[in-house]
């Protein structure tokens, strides 16, 4: 595998997998960050569980005028379809969240290769960022995606 991939992270408004309220996406090309996307997304009915607000700090006021997932998918899809996609705890969280959200909005689930930095490094994101001195504003989707990209680059470089 080359050093080109997409790192992604989602924050949710509720316990339901289809309730995305923030997307952070980092595109890495030949080992260099070449693009990033940070989007607030209005979840269905703009409804939040208080426990989730406590985790990430995003509120219904923050997303009241934001587009819904189906309105922004066209911006995200080119970074996913037929790409190498990396997420921290992605196999248990981010990839199922993406699939359930696409199904909720009756959008086609694209083909892509999945990599999980939690499974690779076998530790939590905050712990790894501290160990590798990677800046992290935990539970901000863009910050988490950037950290995941750095961790995946560390993994790829260790294989060379």
Protein backbone atom coordinates (compact mmCIF):
# COMPACT_ATOMS: atom_id res chain seq x y z
CA UNK A 1 0.00 0.00 0.00
CA UNK A 2 1.24 3.50 -0.77
CA UNK A 3 1.08 6.44 1.62
CA UNK A 4 -2.20 7.76 0.16
CA UNK A 5 -5.45 7.40 2.11
CA UNK A 6 -8.38 9.18 3.73
CA UNK A 7 -8.65 9.43 7.51
CA UNK A 8 -12.16 10.03 8.80
CA UNK A 9 -13.95 10.57 12.09
CA UNK A 10 -17.59 11.10 13.01
CA UNK A 11 -19.31 12.58 16.03
CA UNK A 12 -22.91 11.57 16.71
CA UNK A 13 -25.85 13.41 18.25
CA UNK A 14 -27.46 10.30 19.74
CA UNK A 15 -26.84 6.62 20.36
CA UNK A 16 -28.18 5.80 16.91
CA UNK A 17 -25.52 5.08 14.33
CA UNK A 18 -27.22 7.33 11.75
CA UNK A 19 -27.11 10.51 13.87
CA UNK A 20 -23.89 12.11 12.54
CA UNK A 21 -23.45 15.73 13.66
CA UNK A 22 -19.81 16.32 12.62
CA UNK A 23 -17.50 14.88 9.98
CA UNK A 24 -13.74 15.32 10.03
CA UNK A 25 -11.86 14.11 7.00
CA UNK A 26 -8.17 14.25 6.10
CA UNK A 27 -6.81 13.33 2.67
CA UNK A 28 -3.21 12.13 2.63
CA UNK A 29 -1.40 11.84 -0.70
CA UNK A 30 2.08 10.32 -0.79
CA UNK A 31 2.43 10.81 2.96
CA UNK A 32 1.40 14.50 2.97
CA UNK A 33 -1.93 16.00 4.07
CA UNK A 34 -3.39 17.50 0.91
CA UNK A 35 -6.96 18.28 1.93
CA UNK A 36 -9.22 18.43 4.94
CA UNK A 37 -12.94 18.73 5.47
CA UNK A 38 -14.65 19.76 8.69
CA UNK A 39 -18.45 19.75 8.47
CA UNK A 40 -21.19 20.25 10.99
CA UNK A 41 -24.18 18.15 9.97
CA UNK A 42 -27.78 18.50 11.11
CA UNK A 43 -28.82 15.10 12.49
CA UNK A 44 -32.40 13.88 11.95
CA UNK A 45 -34.82 16.33 13.62
CA UNK A 46 -31.69 18.12 14.95
CA UNK A 47 -32.18 16.05 18.10
CA UNK A 48 -29.34 15.43 20.57
CA UNK A 49 -28.99 13.30 23.66
CA UNK A 50 -27.45 15.38 26.48
CA UNK A 51 -24.80 12.72 27.11
CA UNK A 52 -23.45 13.20 23.58
CA UNK A 53 -23.39 16.98 23.92
CA UNK A 54 -21.27 16.44 27.03
CA UNK A 55 -18.81 14.34 25.00
CA UNK A 56 -18.21 16.62 22.01
CA UNK A 57 -19.82 19.94 22.93
CA UNK A 58 -21.88 20.20 19.73
CA UNK A 59 -25.45 21.38 20.37
CA UNK A 60 -28.66 21.70 18.34
CA UNK A 61 -27.93 25.44 18.06
CA UNK A 62 -24.62 24.64 16.36
CA UNK A 63 -26.30 22.52 13.68
CA UNK A 64 -29.68 24.27 13.35
CA UNK A 65 -28.69 25.78 9.99
CA UNK A 66 -26.31 23.04 8.88
CA UNK A 67 -27.05 20.75 5.95
CA UNK A 68 -28.25 17.21 6.56
CA UNK A 69 -25.99 14.28 5.69
CA UNK A 70 -27.69 13.60 2.36
CA UNK A 71 -27.04 17.23 1.37
CA UNK A 72 -23.26 16.99 1.98
CA UNK A 73 -22.55 13.38 0.95
CA UNK A 74 -21.42 14.57 -2.50
CA UNK A 75 -18.55 16.45 -0.79
CA UNK A 76 -17.43 13.41 1.21
CA UNK A 77 -18.05 10.57 -1.23
CA UNK A 78 -15.06 11.24 -3.54
CA UNK A 79 -12.73 10.76 -0.54
CA UNK A 80 -14.30 7.38 0.30
CA UNK A 81 -15.29 5.49 -2.84
CA UNK A 82 -12.58 3.02 -3.94
CA UNK A 83 -10.11 4.59 -1.49
CA UNK A 84 -8.09 3.38 1.47
CA UNK A 85 -10.01 4.76 4.45
CA UNK A 86 -8.64 4.86 7.98
CA UNK A 87 -10.42 5.53 11.27
CA UNK A 88 -9.49 5.00 14.90
CA UNK A 89 -11.82 2.27 16.15
CA UNK A 90 -13.26 2.39 12.65
CA UNK A 91 -14.27 -1.26 12.41
CA UNK A 92 -16.41 -0.95 15.54
CA UNK A 93 -17.59 2.66 15.18
CA UNK A 94 -16.89 4.92 12.18
CA UNK A 95 -17.42 2.43 9.34
CA UNK A 96 -20.73 1.14 10.76
CA UNK A 97 -21.81 4.75 11.43
CA UNK A 98 -21.15 5.63 7.79
CA UNK A 99 -23.02 2.55 6.56
CA UNK A 100 -26.06 3.12 8.80
CA UNK A 101 -26.21 6.81 7.89
CA UNK A 102 -26.06 6.05 4.17
CA UNK A 103 -28.82 3.45 4.62
CA UNK A 104 -30.92 5.91 6.66
CA UNK A 105 -30.80 8.41 3.78
CA UNK A 106 -31.24 5.66 1.15
CA UNK A 107 -27.81 6.36 -0.35
CA UNK A 108 -25.60 3.68 -1.85
CA UNK A 109 -22.81 2.36 0.36
CA UNK A 110 -19.57 2.66 -1.66
CA UNK A 111 -16.77 0.15 -1.93
CA UNK A 112 -13.61 1.10 -0.01
CA UNK A 113 -10.75 -0.52 1.90
CA UNK A 114 -11.00 -0.18 5.69
CA UNK A 115 -8.09 0.25 8.12
CA UNK A 116 -8.41 0.70 11.87
CA UNK A 117 -5.61 2.39 13.82
CA UNK A 118 -7.06 1.08 17.10
CA UNK A 119 -6.57 -2.48 15.87
CA UNK A 120 -3.12 -1.62 14.50
CA UNK A 121 -1.76 0.19 17.58
CA UNK A 122 -3.95 -1.57 20.19
CA UNK A 123 -4.53 1.54 22.32
CA UNK A 124 -6.94 4.47 22.65
CA UNK A 125 -6.56 7.63 20.61
CA UNK A 126 -5.77 9.96 23.52
CA UNK A 127 -3.19 7.54 24.93
CA UNK A 128 -1.48 7.14 21.55
CA UNK A 129 -1.46 10.88 20.88
CA UNK A 130 0.20 11.49 24.22
CA UNK A 131 2.81 8.79 23.57
CA UNK A 132 3.61 10.07 20.04
CA UNK A 133 3.21 13.77 20.94
CA UNK A 134 0.40 14.26 18.40
CA UNK A 135 -1.84 17.29 19.08
CA UNK A 136 -5.40 16.26 19.93
CA UNK A 137 -8.64 18.06 20.75
CA UNK A 138 -10.40 14.78 21.52
CA UNK A 139 -13.96 14.38 20.17
CA UNK A 140 -13.54 17.14 17.63
CA UNK A 141 -13.95 15.12 14.43
CA UNK A 142 -11.30 16.99 12.44
CA UNK A 143 -8.73 16.76 15.25
CA UNK A 144 -9.45 13.05 15.72
CA UNK A 145 -9.14 12.44 11.96
CA UNK A 146 -5.79 14.30 11.85
CA UNK A 147 -4.49 12.27 14.77
CA UNK A 148 -5.64 9.07 13.09
CA UNK A 149 -3.84 10.09 9.88
CA UNK A 150 -0.61 10.68 11.83
CA UNK A 151 -0.93 7.31 13.56
CA UNK A 152 -1.49 5.53 10.26
CA UNK A 153 1.55 7.26 8.74
CA UNK A 154 3.61 6.10 11.73
CA UNK A 155 2.39 2.56 11.05
CA UNK A 156 3.14 2.75 7.32
CA UNK A 157 6.61 4.20 7.92
CA UNK A 158 7.42 1.46 10.44
CA UNK A 159 6.76 -1.13 7.73
CA UNK A 160 9.32 0.43 5.35
